[in-house]
Every structure is written in structure tokens, then in C-alpha cells.
Amino acid sequence: MARLVFAAGNTQLPPDGQQQIRGLVSRLLDTNDRVQLVAYASGPADRPSESRRTSLSRALAVRALMIEEGVRSTRIDVRALGSPEDGPNDRVDVILLTQ
């Protein structure tokens, strides 16, 4: 699993996150494994939909880079959960689902 930490309110994948994804993609291209992107974002408690939208944008940014690097979209599952219950608030967890 990889954990990509974002700046609060930012949906662009940071450079170190891009490097992590490119390393993971090289491994994925040699297997039939799938990936699940579980995205989180902090936000106002009275507007949870704002957190979900931000987390979705983050997951889609990660997904776009993976597709650009050669991973088929059918091998990438996206879950945007909004505010997390644990761990850093602004992140995308990349979970490798081995086959």
C-alpha cells in the first residue's frame, strides 16, 4: 500500500506522489493485479459533500496519471470517502489487490 498525502484543499498530486505512482505502475504493468484508490479530504463538518468532492478529485488525479502511464482504467477502482476517521486527513491510499 502507498499513502499519498496532499496539501489541505489541494487536488493536484504532489511531485513525490507522482514518483510513487510511477514506481507502482511499473510493477502493475508486469501483473494482472488491480488497484483501489481510497481518497480522503478534510473539510467543514457541516458540508460533508465538499470533502467528498475534494477526495474524488484527488482520486481521479491519481487515476489519470496511472492511465497516462499505461494502466487500463478497468484495473483501477476509486472510492471517495470524504473526511477520514483515522490517519492524515488529506490523502489517497493506494491499495494493491493481488490476483
PDB file of N, CA and C in Angstrom:
ATOM      1  N   MET A   1       0.843  -1.183   0.000  1.00  0.00           N
ATOM      2  CA  MET A   1       0.000   0.000   0.000  1.00  0.00           C
ATOM      3  C   MET A   1       0.887   1.244   0.000  1.00  0.00           C
ATOM      4  N   ALA A   2       0.423   2.252  -0.700  1.00  0.00           N
ATOM      5  CA  ALA A   2       1.107   3.541  -0.702  1.00  0.00           C
ATOM      6  C   ALA A   2       0.133   4.578  -0.162  1.00  0.00           C
ATOM      7  N   ARG A   3       0.664   5.564   0.507  1.00  0.00           N
ATOM      8  CA  ARG A   3      -0.163   6.652   1.025  1.00  0.00           C
ATOM      9  C   ARG A   3       0.356   7.954   0.428  1.00  0.00           C
ATOM     10  N   LEU A   4      -0.514   8.623  -0.320  1.00  0.00           N
ATOM     11  CA  LEU A   4      -0.167   9.881  -0.959  1.00  0.00           C
ATOM     12  C   LEU A   4      -0.809  11.009  -0.159  1.00  0.00           C
ATOM     13  N   VAL A   5       0.005  11.880   0.402  1.00  0.00           N
ATOM     14  CA  VAL A   5      -0.502  12.970   1.239  1.00  0.00           C
ATOM     15  C   VAL A   5      -0.578  14.245   0.403  1.00  0.00           C
ATOM     16  N   PHE A   6      -1.717  14.914   0.471  1.00  0.00           N
ATOM     17  CA  PHE A   6      -1.969  16.148  -0.266  1.00  0.00           C
ATOM     18  C   PHE A   6      -1.968  17.323   0.702  1.00  0.00           C
ATOM     19  N   ALA A   7      -1.684  18.506   0.174  1.00  0.00           N
ATOM     20  CA  ALA A   7      -1.836  19.725   0.963  1.00  0.00           C
ATOM     21  C   ALA A   7      -3.329  19.973   1.155  1.00  0.00           C
ATOM     22  N   ALA A   8      -3.705  20.527   2.294  1.00  0.00           N
ATOM     23  CA  ALA A   8      -5.118  20.788   2.585  1.00  0.00           C
ATOM     24  C   ALA A   8      -5.751  21.604   1.464  1.00  0.00           C
ATOM     25  N   GLY A   9      -6.880  21.138   0.964  1.00  0.00           N
ATOM     26  CA  GLY A   9      -7.616  21.831  -0.079  1.00  0.00           C
ATOM     27  C   GLY A   9      -7.077  21.652  -1.488  1.00  0.00           C
ATOM     28  N   ASN A  10      -5.916  21.032  -1.626  1.00  0.00           N
ATOM     29  CA  ASN A  10      -5.294  20.858  -2.937  1.00  0.00           C
ATOM     30  C   ASN A  10      -5.691  19.517  -3.546  1.00  0.00           C
ATOM     31  N   THR A  11      -5.954  19.499  -4.854  1.00  0.00           N
ATOM     32  CA  THR A  11      -6.322  18.257  -5.523  1.00  0.00           C
ATOM     33  C   THR A  11      -5.249  17.796  -6.508  1.00  0.00           C
ATOM     34  N   GLN A  12      -4.160  18.556  -6.641  1.00  0.00           N
ATOM     35  CA  GLN A  12      -3.081  18.161  -7.543  1.00  0.00           C
ATOM     36  C   GLN A  12      -2.124  17.219  -6.828  1.00  0.00           C
ATOM     37  N   LEU A  13      -1.771  16.155  -7.524  1.00  0.00           N
ATOM     38  CA  LEU A  13      -0.856  15.163  -6.969  1.00  0.00           C
ATOM     39  C   LEU A  13       0.525  15.789  -6.803  1.00  0.00           C
ATOM     40  N   PRO A  14       1.085  15.763  -5.591  1.00  0.00           N
ATOM     41  CA  PRO A  14       2.409  16.353  -5.370  1.00  0.00           C
ATOM     42  C   PRO A  14       3.492  15.552  -6.094  1.00  0.00           C
ATOM     43  N   PRO A  15       4.642  16.186  -6.399  1.00  0.00           N
ATOM     44  CA  PRO A  15       5.712  15.511  -7.143  1.00  0.00           C
ATOM     45  C   PRO A  15       6.167  14.183  -6.528  1.00  0.00           C
ATOM     46  N   ASP A  16       6.294  14.127  -5.192  1.00  0.00           N
ATOM     47  CA  ASP A  16       6.720  12.859  -4.595  1.00  0.00           C
ATOM     48  C   ASP A  16       5.646  11.780  -4.775  1.00  0.00           C
ATOM     49  N   GLY A  17       4.382  12.175  -4.804  1.00  0.00           N
ATOM     50  CA  GLY A  17       3.296  11.238  -5.069  1.00  0.00           C
ATOM     51  C   GLY A  17       3.346  10.724  -6.494  1.00  0.00           C
ATOM     52  N   GLN A  18       3.711  11.601  -7.428  1.00  0.00           N
ATOM     53  CA  GLN A  18       3.847  11.184  -8.827  1.00  0.00           C
ATOM     54  C   GLN A  18       4.922  10.120  -8.959  1.00  0.00           C
ATOM     55  N   GLN A  19       6.036  10.302  -8.258  1.00  0.00           N
ATOM     56  CA  GLN A  19       7.115   9.313  -8.290  1.00  0.00           C
ATOM     57  C   GLN A  19       6.648   7.977  -7.714  1.00  0.00           C
ATOM     58  N   GLN A  20       5.909   8.024  -6.604  1.00  0.00           N
ATOM     59  CA  GLN A  20       5.392   6.798  -6.008  1.00  0.00           C
ATOM     60  C   GLN A  20       4.481   6.066  -6.987  1.00  0.00           C
ATOM     61  N   ILE A  21       3.601   6.805  -7.655  1.00  0.00           N
ATOM     62  CA  ILE A  21       2.665   6.189  -8.600  1.00  0.00           C
ATOM     63  C   ILE A  21       3.414   5.581  -9.778  1.00  0.00           C
ATOM     64  N   ARG A  22       4.402   6.282 -10.304  1.00  0.00           N
ATOM     65  CA  ARG A  22       5.164   5.733 -11.432  1.00  0.00           C
ATOM     66  C   ARG A  22       5.883   4.444 -11.040  1.00  0.00           C
ATOM     67  N   GLY A  23       6.382   4.367  -9.821  1.00  0.00           N
ATOM     68  CA  GLY A  23       7.010   3.131  -9.348  1.00  0.00           C
ATOM     69  C   GLY A  23       6.005   2.001  -9.237  1.00  0.00           C
ATOM     70  N   LEU A  24       4.826   2.303  -8.756  1.00  0.00           N
ATOM     71  CA  LEU A  24       3.776   1.300  -8.636  1.00  0.00           C
ATOM     72  C   LEU A  24       3.295   0.849 -10.006  1.00  0.00           C
ATOM     73  N   VAL A  25       3.191   1.778 -10.942  1.00  0.00           N
ATOM     74  CA  VAL A  25       2.733   1.439 -12.295  1.00  0.00           C
ATOM     75  C   VAL A  25       3.681   0.450 -12.951  1.00  0.00           C
ATOM     76  N   SER A  26       4.982   0.637 -12.781  1.00  0.00           N
ATOM     77  CA  SER A  26       5.936  -0.294 -13.397  1.00  0.00           C
ATOM     78  C   SER A  26       5.713  -1.711 -12.874  1.00  0.00           C
ATOM     79  N   ARG A  27       5.323  -1.833 -11.643  1.00  0.00           N
ATOM     80  CA  ARG A  27       5.010  -3.152 -11.062  1.00  0.00           C
ATOM     81  C   ARG A  27       3.681  -3.684 -11.618  1.00  0.00           C
ATOM     82  N   LEU A  28       2.698  -2.807 -11.740  1.00  0.00           N
ATOM     83  CA  LEU A  28       1.385  -3.229 -12.232  1.00  0.00           C
ATOM     84  C   LEU A  28       1.429  -3.709 -13.675  1.00  0.00           C
ATOM     85  N   LEU A  29       2.278  -3.103 -14.479  1.00  0.00           N
ATOM     86  CA  LEU A  29       2.340  -3.475 -15.890  1.00  0.00           C
ATOM     87  C   LEU A  29       2.846  -4.896 -16.092  1.00  0.00           C
ATOM     88  N   ASP A  30       3.496  -5.459 -15.073  1.00  0.00           N
ATOM     89  CA  ASP A  30       4.013  -6.831 -15.159  1.00  0.00           C
ATOM     90  C   ASP A  30       3.068  -7.861 -14.561  1.00  0.00           C
ATOM     91  N   THR A  31       1.898  -7.437 -14.080  1.00  0.00           N
ATOM     92  CA  THR A  31       0.956  -8.349 -13.427  1.00  0.00           C
ATOM     93  C   THR A  31      -0.465  -8.084 -13.923  1.00  0.00           C
ATOM     94  N   ASN A  32      -1.400  -8.849 -13.400  1.00  0.00           N
ATOM     95  CA  ASN A  32      -2.825  -8.607 -13.648  1.00  0.00           C
ATOM     96  C   ASN A  32      -3.505  -8.043 -12.410  1.00  0.00           C
ATOM     97  N   ASP A  33      -2.718  -7.535 -11.457  1.00  0.00           N
ATOM     98  CA  ASP A  33      -3.260  -7.006 -10.213  1.00  0.00           C
ATOM     99  C   ASP A  33      -4.118  -5.775 -10.477  1.00  0.00           C
ATOM    100  N   ARG A  34      -5.003  -5.510  -9.545  1.00  0.00           N
ATOM    101  CA  ARG A  34      -5.867  -4.334  -9.584  1.00  0.00           C
ATOM    102  C   ARG A  34      -5.432  -3.377  -8.483  1.00  0.00           C
ATOM    103  N   VAL A  35      -5.931  -2.156  -8.558  1.00  0.00           N
ATOM    104  CA  VAL A  35      -5.615  -1.135  -7.559  1.00  0.00           C
ATOM    105  C   VAL A  35      -6.916  -0.496  -7.090  1.00  0.00           C
ATOM    106  N   GLN A  36      -6.992  -0.249  -5.790  1.00  0.00           N
ATOM    107  CA  GLN A  36      -8.116   0.509  -5.239  1.00  0.00           C
ATOM    108  C   GLN A  36      -7.556   1.815  -4.685  1.00  0.00           C
ATOM    109  N   LEU A  37      -8.145   2.925  -5.116  1.00  0.00           N
ATOM    110  CA  LEU A  37      -7.760   4.241  -4.626  1.00  0.00           C
ATOM    111  C   LEU A  37      -8.821   4.688  -3.634  1.00  0.00           C
ATOM    112  N   VAL A  38      -8.420   4.857  -2.380  1.00  0.00           N
ATOM    113  CA  VAL A  38      -9.344   5.285  -1.331  1.00  0.00           C
ATOM    114  C   VAL A  38      -8.914   6.690  -0.921  1.00  0.00           C
ATOM    115  N   ALA A  39      -9.768   7.663  -1.262  1.00  0.00           N
ATOM    116  CA  ALA A  39      -9.391   9.066  -1.097  1.00  0.00           C
ATOM    117  C   ALA A  39     -10.145   9.720   0.058  1.00  0.00           C
ATOM    118  N   TYR A  40      -9.444  10.629   0.748  1.00  0.00           N
ATOM    119  CA  TYR A  40      -9.998  11.361   1.883  1.00  0.00           C
ATOM    120  C   TYR A  40      -9.669  12.844   1.741  1.00  0.00           C
ATOM    121  N   ALA A  41     -10.463  13.669   2.380  1.00  0.00           N
ATOM    122  CA  ALA A  41     -10.190  15.109   2.400  1.00  0.00           C
ATOM    123  C   ALA A  41     -10.822  15.729   3.636  1.00  0.00           C
ATOM    124  N   SER A  42     -10.098  16.653   4.233  1.00  0.00           N
ATOM    125  CA  SER A  42     -10.677  17.386   5.360  1.00  0.00           C
ATOM    126  C   SER A  42     -11.631  18.434   4.802  1.00  0.00           C
ATOM    127  N   GLY A  43     -12.493  18.908   5.662  1.00  0.00           N
ATOM    128  CA  GLY A  43     -13.439  19.932   5.236  1.00  0.00           C
ATOM    129  C   GLY A  43     -14.373  20.270   6.369  1.00  0.00           C
ATOM    130  N   PRO A  44     -15.261  21.221   6.134  1.00  0.00           N
ATOM    131  CA  PRO A  44     -16.193  21.643   7.183  1.00  0.00           C
ATOM    132  C   PRO A  44     -17.160  20.517   7.544  1.00  0.00           C
ATOM    133  N   ALA A  45     -17.363  20.314   8.825  1.00  0.00           N
ATOM    134  CA  ALA A  45     -18.246  19.247   9.294  1.00  0.00           C
ATOM    135  C   ALA A  45     -19.683  19.454   8.834  1.00  0.00           C
ATOM    136  N   ASP A  46     -20.072  20.702   8.636  1.00  0.00           N
ATOM    137  CA  ASP A  46     -21.448  20.976   8.223  1.00  0.00           C
ATOM    138  C   ASP A  46     -21.659  20.848   6.708  1.00  0.00           C
ATOM    139  N   ARG A  47     -20.564  20.577   5.949  1.00  0.00           N
ATOM    140  CA  ARG A  47     -20.671  20.394   4.497  1.00  0.00           C
ATOM    141  C   ARG A  47     -19.863  19.174   4.057  1.00  0.00           C
ATOM    142  N   PRO A  48     -20.306  17.963   4.417  1.00  0.00           N
ATOM    143  CA  PRO A  48     -19.545  16.757   4.086  1.00  0.00           C
ATOM    144  C   PRO A  48     -19.413  16.521   2.583  1.00  0.00           C
ATOM    145  N   SER A  49     -20.346  17.034   1.792  1.00  0.00           N
ATOM    146  CA  SER A  49     -20.254  16.823   0.341  1.00  0.00           C
ATOM    147  C   SER A  49     -19.024  17.529  -0.236  1.00  0.00           C
ATOM    148  N   GLU A  50     -18.599  18.613   0.390  1.00  0.00           N
ATOM    149  CA  GLU A  50     -17.401  19.319  -0.061  1.00  0.00           C
ATOM    150  C   GLU A  50     -16.167  18.422   0.099  1.00  0.00           C
ATOM    151  N   SER A  51     -16.081  17.722   1.219  1.00  0.00           N
ATOM    152  CA  SER A  51     -14.970  16.800   1.449  1.00  0.00           C
ATOM    153  C   SER A  51     -14.993  15.652   0.442  1.00  0.00           C
ATOM    154  N   ARG A  52     -16.174  15.128   0.169  1.00  0.00           N
ATOM    155  CA  ARG A  52     -16.284  14.027  -0.801  1.00  0.00           C
ATOM    156  C   ARG A  52     -15.867  14.477  -2.201  1.00  0.00           C
ATOM    157  N   ARG A  53     -16.267  15.675  -2.592  1.00  0.00           N
ATOM    158  CA  ARG A  53     -15.873  16.184  -3.916  1.00  0.00           C
ATOM    159  C   ARG A  53     -14.360  16.347  -4.013  1.00  0.00           C
ATOM    160  N   THR A  54     -13.754  16.892  -2.971  1.00  0.00           N
ATOM    161  CA  THR A  54     -12.299  17.068  -2.972  1.00  0.00           C
ATOM    162  C   THR A  54     -11.600  15.718  -3.008  1.00  0.00           C
ATOM    163  N   SER A  55     -12.085  14.778  -2.211  1.00  0.00           N
ATOM    164  CA  SER A  55     -11.448  13.456  -2.200  1.00  0.00           C
ATOM    165  C   SER A  55     -11.610  12.772  -3.560  1.00  0.00           C
ATOM    166  N   LEU A  56     -12.752  12.934  -4.216  1.00  0.00           N
ATOM    167  CA  LEU A  56     -12.951  12.364  -5.543  1.00  0.00           C
ATOM    168  C   LEU A  56     -11.987  12.986  -6.551  1.00  0.00           C
ATOM    169  N   SER A  57     -11.811  14.288  -6.497  1.00  0.00           N
ATOM    170  CA  SER A  57     -10.878  14.956  -7.410  1.00  0.00           C
ATOM    171  C   SER A  57      -9.463  14.430  -7.225  1.00  0.00           C
ATOM    172  N   ARG A  58      -9.080  14.170  -5.991  1.00  0.00           N
ATOM    173  CA  ARG A  58      -7.741  13.630  -5.716  1.00  0.00           C
ATOM    174  C   ARG A  58      -7.594  12.228  -6.292  1.00  0.00           C
ATOM    175  N   ALA A  59      -8.596  11.389  -6.056  1.00  0.00           N
ATOM    176  CA  ALA A  59      -8.533  10.022  -6.579  1.00  0.00           C
ATOM    177  C   ALA A  59      -8.488  10.022  -8.101  1.00  0.00           C
ATOM    178  N   LEU A  60      -9.246  10.905  -8.719  1.00  0.00           N
ATOM    179  CA  LEU A  60      -9.250  10.969 -10.182  1.00  0.00           C
ATOM    180  C   LEU A  60      -7.925  11.482 -10.730  1.00  0.00           C
ATOM    181  N   ALA A  61      -7.239  12.347  -9.987  1.00  0.00           N
ATOM    182  CA  ALA A  61      -5.911  12.812 -10.407  1.00  0.00           C
ATOM    183  C   ALA A  61      -4.915  11.650 -10.392  1.00  0.00           C
ATOM    184  N   VAL A  62      -4.989  10.820  -9.360  1.00  0.00           N
ATOM    185  CA  VAL A  62      -4.112   9.649  -9.272  1.00  0.00           C
ATOM    186  C   VAL A  62      -4.456   8.670 -10.394  1.00  0.00           C
ATOM    187  N   ARG A  63      -5.734   8.432 -10.595  1.00  0.00           N
ATOM    188  CA  ARG A  63      -6.190   7.518 -11.641  1.00  0.00           C
ATOM    189  C   ARG A  63      -5.724   7.991 -13.019  1.00  0.00           C
ATOM    190  N   ALA A  64      -5.841   9.288 -13.283  1.00  0.00           N
ATOM    191  CA  ALA A  64      -5.434   9.841 -14.576  1.00  0.00           C
ATOM    192  C   ALA A  64      -3.952   9.598 -14.839  1.00  0.00           C
ATOM    193  N   LEU A  65      -3.113   9.782 -13.829  1.00  0.00           N
ATOM    194  CA  LEU A  65      -1.683   9.541 -14.004  1.00  0.00           C
ATOM    195  C   LEU A  65      -1.429   8.063 -14.273  1.00  0.00           C
ATOM    196  N   MET A  66      -2.119   7.189 -13.574  1.00  0.00           N
ATOM    197  CA  MET A  66      -1.924   5.753 -13.781  1.00  0.00           C
ATOM    198  C   MET A  66      -2.321   5.356 -15.207  1.00  0.00           C
ATOM    199  N   ILE A  67      -3.414   5.903 -15.687  1.00  0.00           N
ATOM    200  CA  ILE A  67      -3.863   5.608 -17.051  1.00  0.00           C
ATOM    201  C   ILE A  67      -2.859   6.172 -18.062  1.00  0.00           C
ATOM    202  N   GLU A  68      -2.405   7.383 -17.807  1.00  0.00           N
ATOM    203  CA  GLU A  68      -1.402   8.013 -18.685  1.00  0.00           C
ATOM    204  C   GLU A  68      -0.131   7.165 -18.769  1.00  0.00           C
ATOM    205  N   GLU A  69       0.200   6.492 -17.673  1.00  0.00           N
ATOM    206  CA  GLU A  69       1.409   5.667 -17.617  1.00  0.00           C
ATOM    207  C   GLU A  69       1.185   4.242 -18.145  1.00  0.00           C
ATOM    208  N   GLY A  70      -0.060   3.915 -18.554  1.00  0.00           N
ATOM    209  CA  GLY A  70      -0.287   2.627 -19.216  1.00  0.00           C
ATOM    210  C   GLY A  70      -1.174   1.626 -18.511  1.00  0.00           C
ATOM    211  N   VAL A  71      -1.714   1.966 -17.348  1.00  0.00           N
ATOM    212  CA  VAL A  71      -2.598   1.036 -16.635  1.00  0.00           C
ATOM    213  C   VAL A  71      -4.013   1.193 -17.202  1.00  0.00           C
ATOM    214  N   ARG A  72      -4.645   0.076 -17.529  1.00  0.00           N
ATOM    215  CA  ARG A  72      -6.016   0.132 -18.038  1.00  0.00           C
ATOM    216  C   ARG A  72      -6.963   0.630 -16.945  1.00  0.00           C
ATOM    217  N   SER A  73      -7.919   1.446 -17.327  1.00  0.00           N
ATOM    218  CA  SER A  73      -8.858   2.024 -16.361  1.00  0.00           C
ATOM    219  C   SER A  73      -9.682   0.954 -15.656  1.00  0.00           C
ATOM    220  N   THR A  74      -9.898  -0.181 -16.296  1.00  0.00           N
ATOM    221  CA  THR A  74     -10.693  -1.253 -15.701  1.00  0.00           C
ATOM    222  C   THR A  74      -9.976  -1.935 -14.544  1.00  0.00           C
ATOM    223  N   ARG A  75      -8.717  -1.629 -14.351  1.00  0.00           N
ATOM    224  CA  ARG A  75      -7.949  -2.209 -13.250  1.00  0.00           C
ATOM    225  C   ARG A  75      -7.843  -1.270 -12.056  1.00  0.00           C
ATOM    226  N   ILE A  76      -8.528  -0.130 -12.116  1.00  0.00           N
ATOM    227  CA  ILE A  76      -8.436   0.887 -11.068  1.00  0.00           C
ATOM    228  C   ILE A  76      -9.829   1.158 -10.507  1.00  0.00           C
ATOM    229  N   ASP A  77     -10.008   0.918  -9.215  1.00  0.00           N
ATOM    230  CA  ASP A  77     -11.265   1.218  -8.523  1.00  0.00           C
ATOM    231  C   ASP A  77     -11.064   2.475  -7.685  1.00  0.00           C
ATOM    232  N   VAL A  78     -12.065   3.346  -7.678  1.00  0.00           N
ATOM    233  CA  VAL A  78     -11.982   4.620  -6.960  1.00  0.00           C
ATOM    234  C   VAL A  78     -13.057   4.668  -5.877  1.00  0.00           C
ATOM    235  N   ARG A  79     -12.655   5.060  -4.671  1.00  0.00           N
ATOM    236  CA  ARG A  79     -13.593   5.282  -3.563  1.00  0.00           C
ATOM    237  C   ARG A  79     -13.263   6.626  -2.935  1.00  0.00           C
ATOM    238  N   ALA A  80     -14.197   7.546  -2.993  1.00  0.00           N
ATOM    239  CA  ALA A  80     -14.028   8.882  -2.392  1.00  0.00           C
ATOM    240  C   ALA A  80     -14.855   8.928  -1.120  1.00  0.00           C
ATOM    241  N   LEU A  81     -14.185   8.988   0.025  1.00  0.00           N
ATOM    242  CA  LEU A  81     -14.875   8.867   1.301  1.00  0.00           C
ATOM    243  C   LEU A  81     -15.016  10.160   2.084  1.00  0.00           C
ATOM    244  N   GLY A  82     -14.447  11.251   1.624  1.00  0.00           N
ATOM    245  CA  GLY A  82     -14.562  12.499   2.371  1.00  0.00           C
ATOM    246  C   GLY A  82     -13.652  12.512   3.581  1.00  0.00           C
ATOM    247  N   SER A  83     -14.175  12.957   4.711  1.00  0.00           N
ATOM    248  CA  SER A  83     -13.374  13.084   5.936  1.00  0.00           C
ATOM    249  C   SER A  83     -13.032  11.711   6.515  1.00  0.00           C
ATOM    250  N   PRO A  84     -11.755  11.491   6.851  1.00  0.00           N
ATOM    251  CA  PRO A  84     -11.341  10.207   7.412  1.00  0.00           C
ATOM    252  C   PRO A  84     -11.601  10.120   8.915  1.00  0.00           C
ATOM    253  N   GLU A  85     -11.640   8.894   9.382  1.00  0.00           N
ATOM    254  CA  GLU A  85     -11.766   8.670  10.822  1.00  0.00           C
ATOM    255  C   GLU A  85     -10.405   8.502  11.475  1.00  0.00           C
ATOM    256  N   ASP A  86      -9.398   8.173  10.673  1.00  0.00           N
ATOM    257  CA  ASP A  86      -8.050   7.975  11.208  1.00  0.00           C
ATOM    258  C   ASP A  86      -7.026   8.384  10.163  1.00  0.00           C
ATOM    259  N   GLY A  87      -5.785   8.545  10.589  1.00  0.00           N
ATOM    260  CA  GLY A  87      -4.704   8.886   9.673  1.00  0.00           C
ATOM    261  C   GLY A  87      -4.769  10.340   9.223  1.00  0.00           C
ATOM    262  N   PRO A  88      -3.855  10.698   8.309  1.00  0.00           N
ATOM    263  CA  PRO A  88      -3.866  12.076   7.793  1.00  0.00           C
ATOM    264  C   PRO A  88      -5.192  12.381   7.092  1.00  0.00           C
ATOM    265  N   ASN A  89      -5.688  13.585   7.254  1.00  0.00           N
ATOM    266  CA  ASN A  89      -6.969  13.964   6.672  1.00  0.00           C
ATOM    267  C   ASN A  89      -6.947  14.051   5.159  1.00  0.00           C
ATOM    268  N   ASP A  90      -5.872  14.521   4.587  1.00  0.00           N
ATOM    269  CA  ASP A  90      -5.800  14.810   3.156  1.00  0.00           C
ATOM    270  C   ASP A  90      -4.866  13.825   2.479  1.00  0.00           C
ATOM    271  N   ARG A  91      -5.473  12.732   1.978  1.00  0.00           N
ATOM    272  CA  ARG A  91      -4.637  11.668   1.428  1.00  0.00           C
ATOM    273  C   ARG A  91      -5.418  10.793   0.454  1.00  0.00           C
ATOM    274  N   VAL A  92      -4.648  10.008  -0.304  1.00  0.00           N
ATOM    275  CA  VAL A  92      -5.205   8.919  -1.101  1.00  0.00           C
ATOM    276  C   VAL A  92      -4.398   7.681  -0.748  1.00  0.00           C
ATOM    277  N   ASP A  93      -5.079   6.649  -0.291  1.00  0.00           N
ATOM    278  CA  ASP A  93      -4.431   5.369  -0.025  1.00  0.00           C
ATOM    279  C   ASP A  93      -4.545   4.521  -1.282  1.00  0.00           C
ATOM    280  N   VAL A  94      -3.424   4.002  -1.751  1.00  0.00           N
ATOM    281  CA  VAL A  94      -3.375   3.155  -2.936  1.00  0.00           C
ATOM    282  C   VAL A  94      -3.198   1.725  -2.440  1.00  0.00           C
ATOM    283  N   ILE A  95      -4.210   0.909  -2.650  1.00  0.00           N
ATOM    284  CA  ILE A  95      -4.216  -0.461  -2.148  1.00  0.00           C
ATOM    285  C   ILE A  95      -4.094  -1.424  -3.319  1.00  0.00           C
ATOM    286  N   LEU A  96      -3.073  -2.247  -3.287  1.00  0.00           N
ATOM    287  CA  LEU A  96      -2.839  -3.228  -4.346  1.00  0.00           C
ATOM    288  C   LEU A  96      -3.677  -4.454  -4.062  1.00  0.00           C
ATOM    289  N   LEU A  97      -4.510  -4.850  -5.015  1.00  0.00           N
ATOM    290  CA  LEU A  97      -5.351  -6.039  -4.889  1.00  0.00           C
ATOM    291  C   LEU A  97      -4.767  -7.119  -5.774  1.00  0.00           C
ATOM    292  N   THR A  98      -3.982  -8.011  -5.165  1.00  0.00           N
ATOM    293  CA  THR A  98      -3.308  -9.043  -5.941  1.00  0.00           C
ATOM    294  C   THR A  98      -4.270 -10.118  -6.410  1.00  0.00           C
ATOM    295  N   GLN A  99      -3.990 -10.638  -7.569  1.00  0.00           N
ATOM    296  CA  GLN A  99      -4.855 -11.668  -8.170  1.00  0.00           C
ATOM    297  C   GLN A  99      -4.206 -13.035  -8.035  1.00  0.00           C
TER     298      GLN A  99
END
